[in-house]
N, C-alpha and C. Protein backbone atom coordinates (compact mmCIF):
# COMPACT_ATOMS: atom_id res chain seq x y z
N UNK A 1 -189.21 196.96 -82.63
CA UNK A 1 -189.19 198.07 -81.76
C UNK A 1 -189.37 197.96 -80.53
N UNK A 2 -190.61 197.39 -80.26
CA UNK A 2 -190.54 196.84 -78.64
C UNK A 2 -189.38 195.74 -78.18
N UNK A 3 -188.55 195.24 -79.01
CA UNK A 3 -187.50 194.85 -78.70
C UNK A 3 -185.99 195.67 -78.30
N UNK A 4 -185.95 196.37 -79.23
CA UNK A 4 -184.96 197.54 -79.23
C UNK A 4 -184.88 198.04 -77.71
N UNK A 5 -186.81 198.48 -77.57
CA UNK A 5 -186.66 199.35 -75.98
C UNK A 5 -186.35 198.24 -74.97
N UNK A 6 -186.78 197.38 -75.36
CA UNK A 6 -186.24 196.11 -74.00
C UNK A 6 -184.38 195.80 -73.97
N UNK A 7 -183.86 195.72 -75.21
CA UNK A 7 -182.65 195.71 -75.25
C UNK A 7 -181.89 196.98 -74.40
N UNK A 8 -182.26 198.09 -74.75
CA UNK A 8 -181.93 199.66 -74.06
C UNK A 8 -182.29 199.65 -72.71
N UNK A 9 -183.31 199.14 -72.47
CA UNK A 9 -183.56 199.09 -70.95
C UNK A 9 -182.74 197.81 -70.20
N UNK A 10 -182.56 197.02 -70.67
CA UNK A 10 -181.12 196.20 -70.59
C UNK A 10 -180.09 196.35 -70.07
N UNK A 11 -179.46 197.32 -71.30
CA UNK A 11 -178.29 197.91 -71.06
C UNK A 11 -178.29 198.87 -70.08
N UNK A 12 -179.38 199.55 -70.39
CA UNK A 12 -179.17 200.76 -69.29
C UNK A 12 -179.12 200.31 -67.63
N UNK A 13 -179.77 199.34 -67.40
CA UNK A 13 -179.53 198.58 -65.96
C UNK A 13 -178.14 198.25 -65.82
N UNK A 14 -177.70 197.58 -66.91
CA UNK A 14 -175.81 196.57 -66.83
C UNK A 14 -175.22 198.20 -66.52
N UNK A 15 -175.21 199.26 -67.40
CA UNK A 15 -174.28 200.30 -67.12
C UNK A 15 -174.83 201.07 -65.79
N UNK A 16 -175.80 201.03 -65.37
CA UNK A 16 -176.18 201.52 -63.99
C UNK A 16 -175.64 200.85 -62.67
N UNK A 17 -175.40 199.67 -63.09
CA UNK A 17 -174.97 198.48 -62.11
C UNK A 17 -173.85 198.66 -62.39
N UNK A 18 -172.60 198.77 -63.49
CA UNK A 18 -171.42 198.93 -63.05
C UNK A 18 -170.90 200.25 -62.66
N UNK A 19 -171.77 201.23 -62.82
CA UNK A 19 -171.60 202.20 -62.61
C UNK A 19 -171.41 202.63 -61.15
N UNK A 20 -172.12 202.06 -60.56
CA UNK A 20 -172.01 201.77 -58.94
C UNK A 20 -171.91 200.59 -58.32
N UNK A 21 -170.77 199.78 -58.54
CA UNK A 21 -170.65 198.65 -58.28
C UNK A 21 -170.54 198.55 -56.57
N UNK A 22 -170.51 197.50 -56.03
CA UNK A 22 -170.46 197.13 -54.63
C UNK A 22 -169.68 196.31 -54.31
N UNK A 23 -168.84 196.97 -53.21
CA UNK A 23 -167.82 195.71 -52.59
C UNK A 23 -168.42 195.29 -51.24
N UNK A 24 -168.29 194.26 -51.00
CA UNK A 24 -168.78 193.73 -49.84
C UNK A 24 -168.04 193.25 -48.74
N UNK A 25 -167.95 192.97 -47.72
CA UNK A 25 -167.27 192.37 -46.58
C UNK A 25 -168.24 192.13 -45.35
N UNK A 26 -167.31 191.64 -44.47
CA UNK A 26 -167.75 191.06 -42.97
C UNK A 26 -167.21 192.10 -41.85
N UNK A 27 -168.02 192.33 -40.92
CA UNK A 27 -167.56 193.07 -39.69
C UNK A 27 -166.88 191.29 -38.41
N UNK A 28 -165.98 191.55 -38.24
CA UNK A 28 -165.24 190.44 -37.49
C UNK A 28 -164.82 190.98 -36.29
N UNK A 29 -164.58 189.74 -35.30
CA UNK A 29 -164.37 190.27 -33.88
C UNK A 29 -163.67 189.13 -33.58
N UNK A 30 -162.28 189.19 -32.80
CA UNK A 30 -161.75 188.37 -32.11
C UNK A 30 -160.47 187.63 -32.85
N UNK A 31 -159.48 186.95 -32.46
CA UNK A 31 -158.57 186.25 -33.33
C UNK A 31 -159.10 185.37 -33.98
N UNK A 32 -160.01 184.70 -33.86
CA UNK A 32 -160.75 183.57 -34.67
C UNK A 32 -162.06 184.34 -35.48
N UNK A 33 -162.07 185.89 -35.63
CA UNK A 33 -162.75 186.23 -36.40
C UNK A 33 -164.36 186.12 -36.38
N UNK A 34 -165.04 186.10 -35.68
CA UNK A 34 -166.28 185.80 -35.85
C UNK A 34 -166.96 186.29 -36.23
N UNK A 35 -167.69 186.85 -37.15
CA UNK A 35 -168.89 187.69 -38.42
C UNK A 35 -170.05 188.28 -37.11
N UNK A 36 -169.90 189.41 -36.95
CA UNK A 36 -170.42 189.61 -36.63
C UNK A 36 -171.76 191.01 -37.07
N UNK A 37 -170.96 191.31 -38.06
CA UNK A 37 -171.78 192.38 -39.11
C UNK A 37 -171.31 192.17 -40.25
N UNK A 38 -171.96 193.05 -40.90
CA UNK A 38 -171.14 193.57 -42.76
C UNK A 38 -171.46 194.56 -43.21
N UNK A 39 -170.24 194.78 -44.13
CA UNK A 39 -170.63 196.53 -44.91
C UNK A 39 -170.46 196.48 -45.98
N UNK A 40 -171.24 197.31 -46.85
CA UNK A 40 -170.64 197.32 -48.41
C UNK A 40 -170.25 198.45 -48.77
N UNK A 41 -169.39 198.71 -49.71
CA UNK A 41 -168.77 199.91 -50.15
C UNK A 41 -169.64 200.27 -51.49
N UNK A 42 -170.32 201.41 -51.98
CA UNK A 42 -170.72 201.77 -53.15
C UNK A 42 -170.87 203.12 -53.14
N UNK A 43 -171.69 203.96 -54.11
CA UNK A 43 -171.52 205.50 -54.08
C UNK A 43 -173.04 206.28 -53.65
N UNK A 44 -172.40 207.40 -53.70
CA UNK A 44 -173.45 208.38 -52.95
C UNK A 44 -173.40 209.36 -54.45
N UNK A 45 -174.39 209.24 -55.15
CA UNK A 45 -173.86 210.52 -56.07
C UNK A 45 -172.44 209.72 -56.99
N UNK A 46 -171.79 210.79 -57.00
CA UNK A 46 -170.21 210.58 -57.67
C UNK A 46 -168.97 210.02 -56.50
N UNK A 47 -169.61 210.83 -55.04
CA UNK A 47 -169.10 210.17 -53.82
C UNK A 47 -169.00 208.90 -53.35
N UNK A 48 -168.04 208.05 -52.51
CA UNK A 48 -167.59 207.19 -52.41
C UNK A 48 -168.81 207.06 -50.69
N UNK A 49 -169.47 205.64 -50.82
CA UNK A 49 -170.42 205.69 -49.57
C UNK A 49 -169.88 204.06 -49.11
N UNK A 50 -170.14 203.74 -47.54
CA UNK A 50 -169.46 202.91 -47.23
C UNK A 50 -171.10 202.90 -46.08
N UNK A 51 -171.25 201.78 -45.99
CA UNK A 51 -172.58 201.25 -44.92
C UNK A 51 -172.04 199.84 -44.36
N UNK A 52 -172.07 200.36 -42.64
CA UNK A 52 -171.78 199.15 -41.92
C UNK A 52 -173.23 199.24 -41.15
N UNK A 53 -173.21 197.28 -40.83
CA UNK A 53 -174.55 196.92 -40.07
C UNK A 53 -173.70 196.04 -39.07
N UNK A 54 -174.52 196.04 -37.96
CA UNK A 54 -174.09 195.39 -36.88
C UNK A 54 -174.73 194.36 -36.17
N UNK A 55 -174.48 193.06 -36.22
CA UNK A 55 -175.79 191.98 -36.05
C UNK A 55 -176.26 192.29 -34.50
N UNK A 56 -177.33 192.09 -34.24
CA UNK A 56 -178.17 192.04 -32.45
C UNK A 56 -177.29 190.78 -31.99
N UNK A 57 -177.13 191.00 -30.71
CA UNK A 57 -177.36 192.19 -29.91
C UNK A 57 -176.37 193.14 -29.78
N UNK A 58 -175.56 192.82 -30.42
CA UNK A 58 -174.62 194.06 -30.58
C UNK A 58 -175.00 195.37 -30.87
N UNK A 59 -174.58 196.54 -30.57
CA UNK A 59 -174.88 197.85 -31.19
C UNK A 59 -173.83 198.57 -31.42
N UNK A 60 -173.44 199.71 -32.03
CA UNK A 60 -172.09 200.47 -32.60
C UNK A 60 -172.24 201.76 -31.65
N UNK A 61 -171.08 202.00 -30.83
CA UNK A 61 -170.77 202.94 -30.06
C UNK A 61 -169.66 204.10 -30.52
N UNK A 62 -168.83 203.55 -31.62
CA UNK A 62 -167.96 204.49 -32.33
C UNK A 62 -167.40 203.75 -33.24
N UNK A 63 -167.66 204.35 -34.75
CA UNK A 63 -167.10 203.70 -36.37
C UNK A 63 -166.35 204.66 -36.44
N UNK A 64 -164.94 203.96 -37.11
CA UNK A 64 -163.83 204.62 -37.87
C UNK A 64 -163.67 204.14 -38.97
N UNK A 65 -163.45 205.29 -40.35
CA UNK A 65 -163.21 204.83 -41.26
C UNK A 65 -162.05 205.26 -41.70
N UNK A 66 -161.25 204.95 -42.98
CA UNK A 66 -160.13 205.20 -43.43
C UNK A 66 -160.57 204.68 -45.09
N UNK A 67 -160.67 206.05 -45.80
CA UNK A 67 -160.69 206.16 -47.66
C UNK A 67 -159.92 206.96 -48.27
N UNK A 68 -158.87 206.41 -49.05
CA UNK A 68 -157.96 207.56 -49.40
C UNK A 68 -157.11 206.69 -50.53
N UNK A 69 -156.83 207.51 -51.58
CA UNK A 69 -155.78 206.76 -52.74
C UNK A 69 -154.46 206.50 -52.28
N UNK A 70 -153.79 206.76 -50.81
CA UNK A 70 -153.19 206.81 -50.58
C UNK A 70 -153.04 205.60 -49.36
N UNK A 71 -151.95 204.81 -49.42
CA UNK A 71 -152.58 203.75 -48.37
C UNK A 71 -151.85 204.07 -46.93
N UNK A 72 -152.70 203.69 -46.29
CA UNK A 72 -152.85 203.96 -44.49
C UNK A 72 -151.38 203.44 -44.15
N UNK A 73 -150.42 204.41 -43.26
CA UNK A 73 -149.16 203.93 -42.65
C UNK A 73 -149.43 204.26 -41.43
N UNK A 74 -148.97 203.30 -40.66
CA UNK A 74 -149.00 203.41 -38.90
C UNK A 74 -150.20 204.17 -38.38
N UNK A 75 -151.46 203.62 -38.94
CA UNK A 75 -152.39 204.74 -38.26
C UNK A 75 -153.54 203.85 -37.80
N UNK A 76 -153.66 204.04 -36.25
CA UNK A 76 -154.05 203.71 -35.26
C UNK A 76 -155.44 203.76 -35.59
N UNK A 77 -156.63 202.50 -35.61
CA UNK A 77 -158.18 202.93 -35.91
C UNK A 77 -158.66 204.07 -35.04
N UNK A 78 -158.17 204.37 -34.32
CA UNK A 78 -158.86 205.64 -33.82
C UNK A 78 -158.39 206.90 -34.19
N UNK A 79 -157.24 206.78 -35.64
CA UNK A 79 -157.03 207.93 -35.84
C UNK A 79 -157.28 208.23 -37.49
N UNK A 80 -158.23 207.33 -37.61
CA UNK A 80 -158.83 207.18 -38.96
C UNK A 80 -159.49 208.86 -39.19
N UNK A 81 -159.56 208.92 -40.35
CA UNK A 81 -160.09 210.76 -40.54
C UNK A 81 -161.44 210.82 -40.60
N UNK A 82 -162.45 209.48 -40.53
CA UNK A 82 -163.75 209.70 -40.38
C UNK A 82 -163.89 208.59 -39.32
N UNK A 83 -164.78 209.79 -38.52
CA UNK A 83 -165.73 209.27 -37.06
C UNK A 83 -166.80 209.38 -37.14
N UNK A 84 -167.88 208.63 -36.42
CA UNK A 84 -169.28 208.90 -35.92
C UNK A 84 -169.18 207.90 -34.38
N UNK A 85 -169.72 208.94 -33.77
CA UNK A 85 -170.19 208.22 -32.13
C UNK A 85 -171.49 208.63 -31.97
N UNK A 86 -172.17 209.06 -32.68
CA UNK A 86 -174.08 209.11 -32.19
C UNK A 86 -174.55 208.69 -33.41
N UNK A 87 -175.78 208.26 -33.61
CA UNK A 87 -176.43 207.04 -34.10
C UNK A 87 -177.77 207.01 -34.14
N UNK A 88 -178.55 207.58 -35.30
CA UNK A 88 -179.97 207.53 -35.41
C UNK A 88 -180.42 206.08 -34.80
N UNK A 89 -179.86 205.17 -35.35
CA UNK A 89 -179.96 203.66 -35.11
C UNK A 89 -178.41 203.13 -35.21
N UNK A 90 -178.21 202.22 -33.70
CA UNK A 90 -177.13 201.65 -33.78
C UNK A 90 -176.56 200.42 -34.28
N UNK A 91 -177.80 199.78 -34.82
CA UNK A 91 -176.94 198.74 -35.61
C UNK A 91 -176.77 199.14 -37.39
N UNK A 92 -177.02 200.35 -37.92
CA UNK A 92 -176.43 200.61 -39.08
C UNK A 92 -175.56 201.98 -38.80
N UNK A 93 -175.06 202.36 -39.89
CA UNK A 93 -174.26 203.34 -39.89
C UNK A 93 -173.35 203.42 -41.69
N UNK A 94 -173.71 204.86 -41.63
CA UNK A 94 -173.39 205.40 -43.38
C UNK A 94 -172.18 206.27 -43.39
N UNK A 95 -171.60 205.97 -44.37
CA UNK A 95 -170.34 207.14 -44.59
C UNK A 95 -170.48 207.63 -45.71
N UNK A 96 -170.79 209.01 -46.35
CA UNK A 96 -170.77 209.45 -47.74
C UNK A 96 -170.19 210.82 -47.73
N UNK A 97 -171.02 211.74 -49.13
CA UNK A 97 -171.04 212.76 -49.04
C UNK A 97 -171.33 214.03 -47.92
N UNK A 98 -171.59 213.72 -47.00
CA UNK A 98 -171.95 214.55 -45.85
C UNK A 98 -170.72 214.59 -44.97
N UNK A 99 -170.16 213.73 -44.85
CA UNK A 99 -169.06 213.07 -43.83
C UNK A 99 -167.50 213.66 -44.94
N UNK A 100 -167.48 213.67 -46.42
CA UNK A 100 -166.54 214.34 -46.84
C UNK A 100 -165.79 213.27 -47.80
N UNK A 101 -166.65 211.95 -47.91
CA UNK A 101 -165.54 210.96 -48.34
C UNK A 101 -164.87 211.72 -49.74
N UNK A 102 -163.88 210.86 -50.28
CA UNK A 102 -163.44 211.39 -51.89
C UNK A 102 -164.55 210.37 -52.59
N UNK A 103 -164.20 211.56 -54.05
CA UNK A 103 -165.13 211.09 -55.26
C UNK A 103 -164.33 209.61 -55.65
N UNK A 104 -165.56 208.81 -56.18
CA UNK A 104 -165.15 207.56 -56.42
C UNK A 104 -164.89 207.70 -57.97
N UNK A 105 -165.16 208.54 -58.77
CA UNK A 105 -165.70 208.78 -60.13
C UNK A 105 -163.95 208.21 -61.12
N UNK A 106 -162.75 208.62 -59.88
CA UNK A 106 -161.36 208.28 -61.26
C UNK A 106 -161.29 206.60 -60.95
N UNK A 107 -160.24 206.11 -62.21
CA UNK A 107 -159.89 204.85 -62.22
C UNK A 107 -158.78 204.60 -61.39
N UNK A 108 -158.51 205.02 -60.41
CA UNK A 108 -157.26 204.80 -59.17
C UNK A 108 -157.52 203.92 -58.27
N UNK A 109 -157.50 202.89 -57.66
CA UNK A 109 -157.72 202.36 -56.58
C UNK A 109 -157.99 203.33 -55.25
N UNK A 110 -158.69 203.12 -54.21
CA UNK A 110 -158.80 203.68 -53.22
C UNK A 110 -158.44 202.50 -51.70
N UNK A 111 -157.83 202.80 -50.77
CA UNK A 111 -157.61 202.10 -49.65
C UNK A 111 -158.82 202.34 -48.69
N UNK A 112 -158.88 200.78 -48.26
CA UNK A 112 -159.87 201.02 -47.32
C UNK A 112 -159.63 200.55 -45.97
N UNK A 113 -159.96 200.86 -44.87
CA UNK A 113 -159.94 200.57 -43.42
C UNK A 113 -161.14 200.92 -42.87
N UNK A 114 -161.59 200.07 -41.90
CA UNK A 114 -162.76 200.58 -41.25
C UNK A 114 -162.43 199.24 -39.60
N UNK A 115 -163.08 200.15 -38.67
CA UNK A 115 -162.84 199.72 -37.16
C UNK A 115 -163.98 200.18 -36.48
N UNK A 116 -165.00 199.39 -35.75
CA UNK A 116 -165.95 199.75 -34.69
C UNK A 116 -165.80 199.43 -33.13
N UNK A 117 -166.10 200.14 -32.29
CA UNK A 117 -166.49 199.76 -31.20
C UNK A 117 -167.73 199.74 -30.90
N UNK A 118 -167.97 198.56 -30.51
CA UNK A 118 -169.52 197.76 -29.78
C UNK A 118 -169.97 197.30 -28.72
N UNK A 119 -170.96 197.44 -28.65
CA UNK A 119 -171.47 197.05 -26.83
C UNK A 119 -172.59 195.91 -27.10
N UNK A 120 -172.62 194.99 -26.44
CA UNK A 120 -174.07 194.30 -25.98
C UNK A 120 -174.54 194.33 -24.17
N UNK A 121 -175.29 194.20 -24.37
CA UNK A 121 -176.05 194.21 -22.75
C UNK A 121 -175.52 192.80 -22.21
N UNK A 122 -174.99 192.53 -20.81
CA UNK A 122 -174.71 191.63 -20.63
C UNK A 122 -175.49 191.25 -18.86
N UNK A 123 -176.39 192.21 -18.39
CA UNK A 123 -176.87 192.31 -17.14
C UNK A 123 -177.45 193.69 -16.99
N UNK A 124 -178.12 193.54 -15.61
CA UNK A 124 -178.69 194.66 -15.37
C UNK A 124 -178.45 194.80 -13.60
N UNK A 125 -178.16 195.59 -13.23
CA UNK A 125 -178.00 196.38 -11.60
C UNK A 125 -179.33 196.98 -11.28
N UNK A 126 -179.63 196.37 -9.86
CA UNK A 126 -180.93 196.98 -9.38
C UNK A 126 -180.12 198.22 -8.92
N UNK A 127 -181.56 199.07 -8.43
CA UNK A 127 -181.55 199.98 -7.37
C UNK A 127 -180.18 200.21 -6.09
N UNK A 128 -180.12 199.33 -5.85
CA UNK A 128 -178.76 198.81 -4.79
C UNK A 128 -177.75 198.62 -5.39
N UNK A 129 -177.36 198.45 -7.13
CA UNK A 129 -176.21 198.11 -7.48
C UNK A 129 -175.73 196.90 -7.52
N UNK A 130 -176.94 196.21 -6.94
CA UNK A 130 -176.79 194.36 -7.17
C UNK A 130 -177.20 193.50 -8.73
N UNK A 131 -176.16 192.80 -8.82
CA UNK A 131 -176.62 192.02 -10.50
C UNK A 131 -178.10 191.77 -10.36
N UNK A 132 -178.63 191.84 -11.27
CA UNK A 132 -180.06 190.98 -11.02
C UNK A 132 -179.96 189.89 -11.61
N UNK A 133 -180.53 188.49 -11.03
CA UNK A 133 -180.07 187.49 -11.37
C UNK A 133 -181.74 186.26 -11.39
N UNK A 134 -181.11 185.12 -11.95
CA UNK A 134 -182.32 184.47 -11.81
C UNK A 134 -182.27 183.17 -10.70
N UNK A 135 -182.75 182.17 -10.38
CA UNK A 135 -182.76 181.44 -9.44
C UNK A 135 -181.56 180.76 -9.63
N UNK A 136 -181.15 180.55 -10.88
CA UNK A 136 -180.13 179.86 -11.00
C UNK A 136 -178.77 180.93 -11.18
N UNK A 137 -178.64 182.02 -10.37
CA UNK A 137 -177.82 183.45 -10.25
C UNK A 137 -176.81 183.43 -11.62
N UNK A 138 -177.85 183.27 -12.78
CA UNK A 138 -177.63 183.82 -13.99
C UNK A 138 -178.18 185.51 -14.14
N UNK A 139 -177.75 186.25 -15.30
CA UNK A 139 -178.61 187.72 -15.39
C UNK A 139 -179.31 187.72 -15.95
N UNK A 140 -180.22 188.05 -15.57
CA UNK A 140 -181.73 188.35 -16.22
C UNK A 140 -181.06 189.36 -16.85
N UNK A 141 -181.48 189.27 -18.60
CA UNK A 141 -181.67 189.99 -20.05
C UNK A 141 -182.91 190.58 -20.18
N UNK A 142 -183.88 190.04 -19.74
CA UNK A 142 -184.99 190.84 -20.05
C UNK A 142 -185.88 191.27 -19.21
N UNK A 143 -185.90 192.83 -19.05
CA UNK A 143 -186.57 193.61 -18.10
C UNK A 143 -187.76 193.19 -17.71
N UNK A 144 -189.08 192.46 -18.41
CA UNK A 144 -190.04 192.11 -18.12
C UNK A 144 -189.96 190.57 -17.19
N UNK A 145 -188.79 190.18 -17.24
CA UNK A 145 -188.51 189.02 -15.91
C UNK A 145 -187.95 189.56 -14.70
N UNK A 146 -187.83 190.99 -14.67
CA UNK A 146 -187.38 191.63 -13.25
C UNK A 146 -188.11 190.84 -12.07
N UNK A 147 -187.48 190.67 -10.82
CA UNK A 147 -188.49 190.58 -9.51
C UNK A 147 -189.27 191.75 -9.37
N UNK A 148 -190.11 191.75 -8.30
CA UNK A 148 -191.05 192.65 -8.16
C UNK A 148 -190.32 193.96 -7.16
N UNK A 149 -189.69 193.07 -6.61
CA UNK A 149 -188.76 193.99 -5.83
C UNK A 149 -187.84 195.20 -6.40
N UNK A 150 -187.44 194.90 -7.91
CA UNK A 150 -186.50 195.69 -8.48
C UNK A 150 -187.64 196.93 -9.07
N UNK A 151 -186.81 197.98 -8.56
CA UNK A 151 -187.73 199.57 -8.99
C UNK A 151 -187.14 200.28 -9.99
N UNK A 152 -185.96 199.95 -10.25
CA UNK A 152 -185.17 200.23 -11.20
C UNK A 152 -183.83 199.94 -11.67
N UNK A 153 -183.11 199.78 -13.04
CA UNK A 153 -182.00 199.10 -13.55
C UNK A 153 -181.16 200.31 -14.28
N UNK A 154 -180.03 199.46 -14.23
CA UNK A 154 -178.97 200.28 -14.97
C UNK A 154 -178.35 198.91 -15.90
N UNK A 155 -178.23 199.64 -16.77
CA UNK A 155 -177.81 198.31 -18.24
C UNK A 155 -176.34 198.02 -17.80
N UNK A 156 -175.57 196.76 -17.72
CA UNK A 156 -174.25 196.76 -17.92
C UNK A 156 -173.90 196.30 -18.85
N UNK A 157 -172.47 196.59 -19.62
CA UNK A 157 -172.44 196.08 -20.98
C UNK A 157 -171.16 195.48 -21.06
N UNK A 158 -170.53 194.82 -21.76
CA UNK A 158 -169.34 194.41 -22.53
C UNK A 158 -169.08 195.08 -23.80
N UNK A 159 -168.02 195.29 -24.00
CA UNK A 159 -167.55 196.10 -25.31
C UNK A 159 -166.71 195.56 -25.89
N UNK A 160 -166.67 195.66 -27.08
CA UNK A 160 -165.56 194.72 -27.81
C UNK A 160 -165.48 195.79 -29.09
N UNK A 161 -164.01 195.42 -30.14
CA UNK A 161 -163.79 195.88 -31.04
C UNK A 161 -163.97 195.18 -32.28
N UNK A 162 -164.66 195.88 -33.61
CA UNK A 162 -164.47 194.88 -35.09
C UNK A 162 -163.99 195.49 -35.56
N UNK A 163 -163.54 194.85 -37.19
CA UNK A 163 -163.04 195.58 -38.22
C UNK A 163 -163.68 195.03 -39.52
N UNK A 164 -163.29 195.47 -40.42
CA UNK A 164 -163.71 195.00 -41.89
C UNK A 164 -162.66 194.33 -42.45
N UNK A 165 -163.40 193.08 -42.88
CA UNK A 165 -162.84 192.32 -44.05
C UNK A 165 -163.33 191.74 -45.15
N UNK A 166 -162.88 192.60 -46.15
CA UNK A 166 -163.37 192.54 -47.32
C UNK A 166 -163.11 190.78 -48.10
N UNK A 167 -164.30 190.54 -48.76
CA UNK A 167 -164.73 189.24 -49.02
C UNK A 167 -164.33 188.79 -50.38
N UNK A 168 -164.59 189.93 -51.53
CA UNK A 168 -164.82 189.85 -52.94
C UNK A 168 -163.69 189.02 -53.55
N UNK A 169 -163.77 188.58 -54.30
CA UNK A 169 -162.64 187.62 -55.25
C UNK A 169 -161.72 188.61 -55.62
N UNK A 170 -160.29 188.48 -55.25
CA UNK A 170 -159.04 188.95 -55.24
C UNK A 170 -158.91 190.09 -54.69
N UNK A 171 -159.36 190.33 -53.65
CA UNK A 171 -159.40 191.22 -53.10
C UNK A 171 -158.49 191.01 -51.60
N UNK A 172 -157.12 191.33 -51.26
CA UNK A 172 -156.50 191.20 -50.43
C UNK A 172 -156.87 192.20 -48.96
N UNK A 173 -156.66 191.81 -47.61
CA UNK A 173 -156.23 192.01 -46.88
C UNK A 173 -155.36 192.26 -45.70
N UNK A 174 -154.73 193.30 -46.08
CA UNK A 174 -153.35 193.44 -45.31
C UNK A 174 -153.17 194.21 -44.35
N UNK A 175 -152.60 193.73 -43.01
CA UNK A 175 -152.07 193.96 -41.74
C UNK A 175 -151.87 195.71 -41.91
N UNK A 176 -152.51 196.66 -41.23
CA UNK A 176 -151.57 198.22 -40.93
C UNK A 176 -150.40 197.81 -39.99
N UNK A 177 -149.20 198.94 -40.49
CA UNK A 177 -148.28 198.54 -39.75
C UNK A 177 -148.05 199.10 -38.33
N UNK A 178 -147.85 198.92 -37.45
CA UNK A 178 -147.87 199.40 -36.41
C UNK A 178 -146.93 200.08 -36.20
N UNK A 179 -146.95 201.22 -34.86
CA UNK A 179 -145.90 202.12 -34.48
C UNK A 179 -145.02 201.40 -33.49
N UNK A 180 -143.78 201.76 -33.31
CA UNK A 180 -142.78 201.07 -32.87
C UNK A 180 -141.50 200.77 -33.27
N UNK A 181 -140.42 200.52 -32.89
CA UNK A 181 -139.04 199.70 -33.52
C UNK A 181 -139.05 198.07 -32.76
N UNK A 182 -138.63 197.55 -33.63
CA UNK A 182 -138.14 196.26 -33.25
C UNK A 182 -139.35 195.62 -33.11
N UNK A 183 -140.14 195.50 -34.05
CA UNK A 183 -141.33 194.43 -34.20
C UNK A 183 -141.18 194.18 -35.49
N UNK A 184 -141.83 192.58 -35.83
CA UNK A 184 -141.16 191.56 -36.98
C UNK A 184 -142.84 190.98 -36.57
N UNK A 185 -142.40 190.33 -38.00
CA UNK A 185 -143.45 188.95 -38.39
C UNK A 185 -145.06 189.51 -38.43
N UNK A 186 -145.92 188.88 -37.29
CA UNK A 186 -147.05 189.11 -37.41
C UNK A 186 -147.10 190.37 -35.88
N UNK A 187 -146.42 190.38 -35.16
CA UNK A 187 -146.23 191.53 -34.26
C UNK A 187 -146.08 193.11 -35.15
N UNK A 188 -145.55 192.82 -36.32
CA UNK A 188 -145.54 194.11 -37.37
C UNK A 188 -146.49 194.70 -37.53
N UNK A 189 -148.20 194.37 -37.55
CA UNK A 189 -148.95 194.82 -38.07
C UNK A 189 -149.97 194.93 -36.92
N UNK A 190 -150.71 195.83 -37.36
CA UNK A 190 -152.06 196.29 -36.77
C UNK A 190 -152.85 195.36 -36.32
N UNK A 191 -153.80 194.88 -35.55
CA UNK A 191 -154.97 194.05 -35.93
C UNK A 191 -155.92 194.66 -36.98
N UNK A 192 -156.09 195.87 -37.07
CA UNK A 192 -156.84 196.26 -37.99
C UNK A 192 -156.11 195.95 -39.38
N UNK A 193 -156.98 195.96 -40.47
CA UNK A 193 -156.96 195.55 -41.72
C UNK A 193 -156.98 196.79 -42.68
N UNK A 194 -156.39 196.86 -43.99
CA UNK A 194 -157.35 197.71 -45.10
C UNK A 194 -156.59 196.62 -46.33
N UNK A 195 -157.80 197.00 -47.06
CA UNK A 195 -157.87 196.47 -48.87
C UNK A 195 -158.15 197.41 -49.57
N UNK A 196 -157.68 196.84 -50.99
CA UNK A 196 -157.92 198.22 -52.02
C UNK A 196 -158.93 197.79 -52.75
N UNK A 197 -159.66 199.06 -53.42
CA UNK A 197 -161.13 198.56 -54.23
C UNK A 197 -161.04 200.22 -54.97
N UNK A 198 -161.59 199.91 -56.21
CA UNK A 198 -162.01 200.87 -56.73
C UNK A 198 -163.73 201.19 -57.25
N UNK A 199 -164.33 202.25 -56.37
CA UNK A 199 -165.56 201.84 -56.46
C UNK A 199 -166.48 202.09 -57.71
N UNK A 200 -165.27 202.85 -58.16
CA UNK A 200 -166.24 203.27 -60.08
C UNK A 200 -167.53 203.95 -59.87
N UNK A 201 -167.97 205.24 -59.20
CA UNK A 201 -168.81 205.42 -59.07
C UNK A 201 -169.17 206.38 -60.18
């Protein structure tokens, strides 16, 4: 009887894992695709859930998400249907049922694309608008090390864009078509990419 109960519990956990399959990937930056974050796709009840994480010192400014059974066509990242520009935690963002994401209970796949505007502090300006530097003229990034004559400061940010790249086995990342005529080769696709996945919620 104990063996049967143990087997039943094991099978239940296996079925739960299958029902909430998770697809992971990376948030990458630049042509060399530096990894600066990650994402996961799972379930919020029967609704698809997408979680994005950005690594310090970067933080989110805006996040954009495309999730639909229909392939994205000539869609600029800023025009994706789901977008956040306020965050309780600028290192993590969630999209789920509250955002109106579609159900993941069907057997058909969904197309995913994600992009984010991120920033990091690269320096501070003092009360006179001058960059606060050390004796080597390098920006001071720790306010605790400011000279005593600094009475107030303003952050200086560097802004970049990142996008999602799926890393699962058999998941292909495909460039989104660019708008405009006469484009060919790599110039015919957007820097953002989409991939196909069935989350099976």
